[in-house]
């Protein structure tokens, strides 16, 4: 049973147990239409989905996401010494070589969890 059907059932059950101020039975009202209107107003947008509140190894998130995201960082070029005499420096004399290189490193697991927690907190409001 989906959310909408469950809400309609609850509303129908409440309407069946209740009578209005004039002791007029609620069966005189279009309770099916009333329940549908209520369900439409409180049903979350279709684009939302159920997700765990936290990313953990137990729920499979760590194996799914760990290493999936990378960021580029600049680090010292370990082969660059700018001496002009070593084998590396002789080979690159005519090239424009930098003393730094850019490498891709995985985003830390704690950072991924922090981002996810922020998203969950925002949408749980």
N, C-alpha and C. Protein backbone atom coordinates (compact mmCIF):
# COMPACT_ATOMS: atom_id res chain seq x y z
N UNK A 1 0.85 -1.17 0.00
CA UNK A 1 0.00 0.00 0.00
C UNK A 1 0.90 1.24 0.00
N UNK A 2 0.66 2.14 -0.95
CA UNK A 2 1.45 3.36 -1.03
C UNK A 2 1.02 4.40 -0.02
N UNK A 3 1.76 5.50 0.05
CA UNK A 3 1.45 6.58 1.00
C UNK A 3 0.04 7.12 0.80
N UNK A 4 -0.32 7.36 -0.45
CA UNK A 4 -1.62 7.94 -0.74
C UNK A 4 -2.74 7.00 -0.27
N UNK A 5 -2.62 5.72 -0.59
CA UNK A 5 -3.65 4.76 -0.20
C UNK A 5 -3.75 4.66 1.32
N UNK A 6 -2.59 4.66 2.00
CA UNK A 6 -2.59 4.58 3.46
C UNK A 6 -3.27 5.80 4.07
N UNK A 7 -2.96 6.98 3.55
CA UNK A 7 -3.58 8.21 4.07
C UNK A 7 -5.09 8.17 3.84
N UNK A 8 -5.50 7.75 2.64
CA UNK A 8 -6.94 7.66 2.36
C UNK A 8 -7.62 6.70 3.32
N UNK A 9 -6.99 5.56 3.60
CA UNK A 9 -7.58 4.59 4.52
C UNK A 9 -7.73 5.18 5.92
N UNK A 10 -6.68 5.86 6.39
CA UNK A 10 -6.74 6.47 7.72
C UNK A 10 -7.86 7.50 7.79
N UNK A 11 -7.93 8.36 6.79
CA UNK A 11 -8.97 9.39 6.78
C UNK A 11 -10.35 8.76 6.74
N UNK A 12 -10.52 7.73 5.93
CA UNK A 12 -11.81 7.06 5.84
C UNK A 12 -12.18 6.42 7.18
N UNK A 13 -11.21 5.78 7.84
CA UNK A 13 -11.48 5.18 9.15
C UNK A 13 -11.92 6.24 10.16
N UNK A 14 -11.25 7.39 10.15
CA UNK A 14 -11.61 8.46 11.08
C UNK A 14 -13.00 8.99 10.75
N UNK A 15 -13.27 9.19 9.48
CA UNK A 15 -14.59 9.71 9.09
C UNK A 15 -15.70 8.73 9.45
N UNK A 16 -15.45 7.44 9.34
CA UNK A 16 -16.46 6.45 9.69
C UNK A 16 -16.76 6.46 11.20
N UNK A 17 -15.78 6.85 12.02
CA UNK A 17 -15.97 6.82 13.47
C UNK A 17 -16.51 8.14 14.01
N UNK A 18 -16.63 9.14 13.16
CA UNK A 18 -16.95 10.48 13.62
C UNK A 18 -18.31 10.94 13.10
N UNK A 19 -18.95 11.77 13.87
CA UNK A 19 -20.18 12.41 13.42
C UNK A 19 -20.00 13.90 13.58
N UNK A 20 -20.69 14.69 12.74
CA UNK A 20 -20.53 16.13 12.83
C UNK A 20 -21.38 16.72 13.95
N UNK A 21 -21.40 18.05 14.09
CA UNK A 21 -22.07 18.74 15.20
C UNK A 21 -23.58 18.54 15.21
N UNK A 22 -24.18 18.31 14.08
CA UNK A 22 -25.64 18.15 14.00
C UNK A 22 -26.06 16.69 14.08
N UNK A 23 -25.18 15.86 14.56
CA UNK A 23 -25.41 14.42 14.60
C UNK A 23 -25.76 13.86 13.23
N UNK A 24 -25.27 14.54 12.21
CA UNK A 24 -25.45 14.08 10.85
C UNK A 24 -24.30 13.13 10.54
N UNK A 25 -24.57 11.97 10.07
CA UNK A 25 -23.54 10.97 9.82
C UNK A 25 -22.59 11.44 8.71
N UNK A 26 -21.34 11.15 8.88
CA UNK A 26 -20.36 11.57 7.89
C UNK A 26 -20.55 10.86 6.56
N UNK A 27 -21.34 9.79 6.54
CA UNK A 27 -21.61 9.10 5.29
C UNK A 27 -22.37 9.99 4.32
N UNK A 28 -22.97 11.06 4.85
CA UNK A 28 -23.67 12.00 3.98
C UNK A 28 -22.69 12.88 3.21
N UNK A 29 -21.41 12.85 3.59
CA UNK A 29 -20.40 13.66 2.91
C UNK A 29 -19.64 12.80 1.90
N UNK A 30 -19.03 13.45 0.96
CA UNK A 30 -18.20 12.73 -0.01
C UNK A 30 -16.83 12.50 0.61
N UNK A 31 -16.76 11.55 1.54
CA UNK A 31 -15.54 11.32 2.30
C UNK A 31 -14.40 10.79 1.44
N UNK A 32 -14.71 10.11 0.35
CA UNK A 32 -13.65 9.64 -0.55
C UNK A 32 -12.94 10.85 -1.17
N UNK A 33 -13.74 11.83 -1.60
CA UNK A 33 -13.15 13.05 -2.18
C UNK A 33 -12.37 13.82 -1.11
N UNK A 34 -12.89 13.89 0.09
CA UNK A 34 -12.20 14.58 1.18
C UNK A 34 -10.86 13.91 1.45
N UNK A 35 -10.84 12.59 1.52
CA UNK A 35 -9.60 11.88 1.81
C UNK A 35 -8.57 12.06 0.69
N UNK A 36 -9.03 12.08 -0.55
CA UNK A 36 -8.11 12.30 -1.67
C UNK A 36 -7.51 13.70 -1.60
N UNK A 37 -8.32 14.69 -1.27
CA UNK A 37 -7.82 16.06 -1.16
C UNK A 37 -6.76 16.17 -0.06
N UNK A 38 -7.02 15.52 1.08
CA UNK A 38 -6.04 15.54 2.16
C UNK A 38 -4.76 14.84 1.73
N UNK A 39 -4.90 13.69 1.09
CA UNK A 39 -3.72 12.93 0.64
C UNK A 39 -2.89 13.74 -0.34
N UNK A 40 -3.52 14.44 -1.25
CA UNK A 40 -2.80 15.25 -2.23
C UNK A 40 -2.02 16.37 -1.56
N UNK A 41 -2.56 16.93 -0.49
CA UNK A 41 -1.91 18.05 0.17
C UNK A 41 -0.71 17.64 1.02
N UNK A 42 -0.72 16.44 1.56
CA UNK A 42 0.38 16.06 2.45
C UNK A 42 1.35 15.06 1.83
N UNK A 43 1.09 14.60 0.64
CA UNK A 43 2.01 13.67 -0.01
C UNK A 43 3.26 14.41 -0.45
N UNK A 44 4.46 13.85 -0.17
CA UNK A 44 5.69 14.53 -0.57
C UNK A 44 5.82 14.54 -2.09
N UNK A 45 6.60 15.46 -2.63
CA UNK A 45 6.81 15.49 -4.08
C UNK A 45 7.39 14.16 -4.56
N UNK A 46 7.08 13.79 -5.75
CA UNK A 46 7.53 12.52 -6.31
C UNK A 46 9.05 12.44 -6.38
N UNK A 47 9.73 13.56 -6.51
CA UNK A 47 11.17 13.54 -6.67
C UNK A 47 11.92 13.14 -5.40
N UNK A 48 11.26 13.14 -4.24
CA UNK A 48 11.92 12.72 -3.01
C UNK A 48 11.90 11.20 -2.90
N UNK A 49 12.87 10.67 -2.20
CA UNK A 49 12.97 9.23 -2.04
C UNK A 49 13.39 8.90 -0.61
N UNK A 50 13.14 7.67 -0.20
CA UNK A 50 13.58 7.23 1.13
C UNK A 50 15.05 6.85 1.06
N UNK A 51 15.82 7.43 1.97
CA UNK A 51 17.25 7.13 2.04
C UNK A 51 17.63 7.00 3.50
N UNK A 52 18.71 6.27 3.78
CA UNK A 52 19.12 6.13 5.18
C UNK A 52 19.58 7.48 5.73
N UNK A 53 19.39 7.70 7.03
CA UNK A 53 19.81 8.97 7.62
C UNK A 53 21.33 9.13 7.70
N UNK A 54 22.05 8.01 7.62
CA UNK A 54 23.51 8.06 7.69
C UNK A 54 24.11 7.12 6.66
N UNK A 55 25.34 7.42 6.25
CA UNK A 55 26.09 6.52 5.37
C UNK A 55 26.99 5.66 6.25
N UNK A 56 26.84 4.35 6.13
CA UNK A 56 27.65 3.44 6.95
C UNK A 56 28.10 2.25 6.11
N UNK A 57 29.04 1.50 6.64
CA UNK A 57 29.46 0.26 5.99
C UNK A 57 28.32 -0.76 6.06
N UNK A 58 27.56 -0.72 7.16
CA UNK A 58 26.49 -1.69 7.36
C UNK A 58 25.37 -1.56 6.33
N UNK A 59 25.07 -0.32 5.90
CA UNK A 59 23.99 -0.17 4.92
C UNK A 59 24.53 -0.16 3.48
N UNK A 60 25.81 -0.46 3.31
CA UNK A 60 26.40 -0.61 1.98
C UNK A 60 26.89 0.67 1.35
N UNK A 61 26.68 1.80 2.01
CA UNK A 61 27.04 3.09 1.41
C UNK A 61 28.54 3.26 1.28
N UNK A 62 29.30 2.77 2.25
CA UNK A 62 30.75 2.97 2.22
C UNK A 62 31.37 2.26 1.02
N UNK A 63 30.98 1.03 0.77
CA UNK A 63 31.54 0.31 -0.38
C UNK A 63 31.05 0.90 -1.70
N UNK A 64 29.86 1.48 -1.68
CA UNK A 64 29.31 2.09 -2.90
C UNK A 64 30.00 3.40 -3.24
N UNK A 65 30.28 4.22 -2.24
CA UNK A 65 30.75 5.59 -2.48
C UNK A 65 32.24 5.81 -2.25
N UNK A 66 32.88 4.99 -1.42
CA UNK A 66 34.28 5.21 -1.10
C UNK A 66 35.14 5.09 -2.36
N UNK A 67 35.88 6.14 -2.68
CA UNK A 67 36.71 6.16 -3.87
C UNK A 67 35.98 6.60 -5.13
N UNK A 68 34.70 6.82 -5.05
CA UNK A 68 33.89 7.20 -6.21
C UNK A 68 34.12 8.66 -6.61
N UNK A 69 34.40 9.52 -5.64
CA UNK A 69 34.57 10.95 -5.90
C UNK A 69 36.02 11.34 -5.71
N UNK A 70 36.51 12.17 -6.62
CA UNK A 70 37.90 12.60 -6.56
C UNK A 70 37.97 14.12 -6.64
N UNK A 71 39.08 14.66 -6.13
CA UNK A 71 39.35 16.08 -6.27
C UNK A 71 40.78 16.24 -6.72
N UNK A 72 41.03 17.30 -7.46
CA UNK A 72 42.38 17.57 -7.96
C UNK A 72 43.10 18.48 -6.97
N UNK A 73 44.34 18.08 -6.66
CA UNK A 73 45.16 18.91 -5.77
C UNK A 73 46.53 19.11 -6.42
N UNK A 74 47.16 20.20 -6.06
CA UNK A 74 48.50 20.49 -6.58
C UNK A 74 49.53 20.13 -5.51
N UNK A 75 50.53 19.35 -5.93
CA UNK A 75 51.59 18.92 -5.01
C UNK A 75 52.95 19.18 -5.65
N UNK A 76 53.99 19.14 -4.83
CA UNK A 76 55.34 19.30 -5.36
C UNK A 76 55.66 18.17 -6.32
N UNK A 77 56.30 18.51 -7.43
CA UNK A 77 56.74 17.51 -8.39
C UNK A 77 57.96 16.80 -7.79
N UNK A 78 57.86 15.51 -7.47
CA UNK A 78 58.95 14.82 -6.78
C UNK A 78 60.21 14.67 -7.64
N UNK A 79 60.06 14.77 -8.97
CA UNK A 79 61.22 14.61 -9.84
C UNK A 79 61.89 15.94 -10.18
N UNK A 80 61.26 17.03 -9.83
CA UNK A 80 61.77 18.35 -10.19
C UNK A 80 62.68 18.89 -9.08
N UNK A 81 63.93 19.20 -9.45
CA UNK A 81 64.84 19.77 -8.45
C UNK A 81 65.47 21.07 -8.94
N UNK A 82 65.37 21.34 -10.23
CA UNK A 82 65.86 22.57 -10.83
C UNK A 82 67.37 22.75 -10.66
N UNK A 83 68.10 21.62 -10.59
CA UNK A 83 69.56 21.72 -10.44
C UNK A 83 70.25 21.91 -11.79
N UNK A 84 69.63 21.40 -12.84
CA UNK A 84 70.20 21.51 -14.18
C UNK A 84 71.29 20.50 -14.46
N UNK A 85 71.59 19.64 -13.52
CA UNK A 85 72.68 18.68 -13.68
C UNK A 85 72.24 17.23 -13.64
N UNK A 86 71.16 16.93 -12.95
CA UNK A 86 70.72 15.52 -12.82
C UNK A 86 70.09 15.04 -14.13
N UNK A 87 69.91 13.74 -14.21
CA UNK A 87 69.36 13.11 -15.41
C UNK A 87 67.99 13.70 -15.76
N UNK A 88 67.14 13.87 -14.77
CA UNK A 88 65.80 14.42 -15.01
C UNK A 88 65.90 15.84 -15.56
N UNK A 89 66.70 16.67 -14.94
CA UNK A 89 66.83 18.06 -15.37
C UNK A 89 67.42 18.16 -16.78
N UNK A 90 68.34 17.26 -17.12
CA UNK A 90 68.92 17.27 -18.47
C UNK A 90 67.88 16.88 -19.51
N UNK A 91 67.00 15.92 -19.17
CA UNK A 91 65.97 15.45 -20.11
C UNK A 91 64.89 16.51 -20.35
N UNK A 92 64.67 17.39 -19.41
CA UNK A 92 63.56 18.34 -19.55
C UNK A 92 64.03 19.76 -19.86
N UNK A 93 65.26 19.94 -20.23
CA UNK A 93 65.80 21.28 -20.46
C UNK A 93 64.98 22.09 -21.46
N UNK A 94 64.50 21.46 -22.50
CA UNK A 94 63.76 22.19 -23.53
C UNK A 94 62.26 22.25 -23.24
N UNK A 95 61.81 21.61 -22.21
CA UNK A 95 60.37 21.57 -21.90
C UNK A 95 60.03 22.58 -20.82
N UNK A 96 58.79 23.00 -20.84
CA UNK A 96 58.29 23.91 -19.79
C UNK A 96 57.75 23.03 -18.66
N UNK A 97 58.57 22.77 -17.66
CA UNK A 97 58.20 21.86 -16.58
C UNK A 97 57.99 22.66 -15.30
N UNK A 98 56.98 22.29 -14.59
CA UNK A 98 56.64 23.01 -13.36
C UNK A 98 57.21 22.28 -12.14
N UNK A 99 57.38 23.03 -11.08
CA UNK A 99 57.85 22.41 -9.83
C UNK A 99 56.69 21.76 -9.08
N UNK A 100 55.47 21.90 -9.62
CA UNK A 100 54.30 21.23 -9.03
C UNK A 100 53.57 20.43 -10.10
N UNK A 101 52.84 19.43 -9.64
CA UNK A 101 51.98 18.65 -10.54
C UNK A 101 50.60 18.55 -9.92
N UNK A 102 49.61 18.30 -10.74
CA UNK A 102 48.24 18.14 -10.27
C UNK A 102 47.90 16.65 -10.28
N UNK A 103 47.40 16.18 -9.14
CA UNK A 103 46.99 14.77 -9.04
C UNK A 103 45.56 14.69 -8.54
N UNK A 104 44.88 13.60 -8.89
CA UNK A 104 43.54 13.34 -8.39
C UNK A 104 43.64 12.44 -7.16
N UNK A 105 42.96 12.84 -6.11
CA UNK A 105 42.93 12.04 -4.88
C UNK A 105 41.47 11.79 -4.51
N UNK A 106 41.18 10.65 -3.88
CA UNK A 106 39.79 10.39 -3.47
C UNK A 106 39.35 11.37 -2.38
N UNK A 107 38.09 11.77 -2.46
CA UNK A 107 37.51 12.60 -1.39
C UNK A 107 37.44 11.73 -0.14
N UNK A 108 37.84 12.27 0.99
CA UNK A 108 37.85 11.49 2.23
C UNK A 108 36.44 11.04 2.60
N UNK A 109 36.36 9.84 3.17
CA UNK A 109 35.08 9.27 3.57
C UNK A 109 34.36 10.17 4.56
N UNK A 110 35.10 10.77 5.48
CA UNK A 110 34.45 11.66 6.46
C UNK A 110 33.84 12.88 5.78
N UNK A 111 34.46 13.36 4.72
CA UNK A 111 33.92 14.51 3.97
C UNK A 111 32.63 14.11 3.26
N UNK A 112 32.62 12.93 2.66
CA UNK A 112 31.41 12.44 1.98
C UNK A 112 30.27 12.33 2.99
N UNK A 113 30.56 11.77 4.18
CA UNK A 113 29.51 11.64 5.21
C UNK A 113 29.03 12.99 5.68
N UNK A 114 29.92 13.97 5.82
CA UNK A 114 29.53 15.32 6.25
C UNK A 114 28.60 15.97 5.22
N UNK A 115 28.93 15.82 3.95
CA UNK A 115 28.08 16.38 2.88
C UNK A 115 26.70 15.72 2.91
N UNK A 116 26.68 14.40 3.02
CA UNK A 116 25.41 13.66 3.05
C UNK A 116 24.58 14.08 4.26
N UNK A 117 25.22 14.20 5.43
CA UNK A 117 24.51 14.59 6.65
C UNK A 117 23.86 15.97 6.48
N UNK A 118 24.57 16.89 5.84
CA UNK A 118 24.05 18.23 5.59
C UNK A 118 22.81 18.17 4.69
N UNK A 119 22.85 17.33 3.67
CA UNK A 119 21.71 17.17 2.77
C UNK A 119 20.52 16.59 3.51
N UNK A 120 20.75 15.53 4.30
CA UNK A 120 19.67 14.90 5.06
C UNK A 120 19.05 15.89 6.04
N UNK A 121 19.89 16.63 6.77
CA UNK A 121 19.39 17.62 7.72
C UNK A 121 18.52 18.66 7.03
N UNK A 122 18.93 19.08 5.85
CA UNK A 122 18.17 20.11 5.12
C UNK A 122 16.79 19.59 4.73
N UNK A 123 16.72 18.36 4.20
CA UNK A 123 15.44 17.85 3.71
C UNK A 123 14.57 17.23 4.81
N UNK A 124 15.12 17.04 6.00
CA UNK A 124 14.32 16.50 7.11
C UNK A 124 13.53 17.60 7.80
N UNK A 125 13.78 18.86 7.47
CA UNK A 125 13.06 19.96 8.11
C UNK A 125 11.61 19.97 7.71
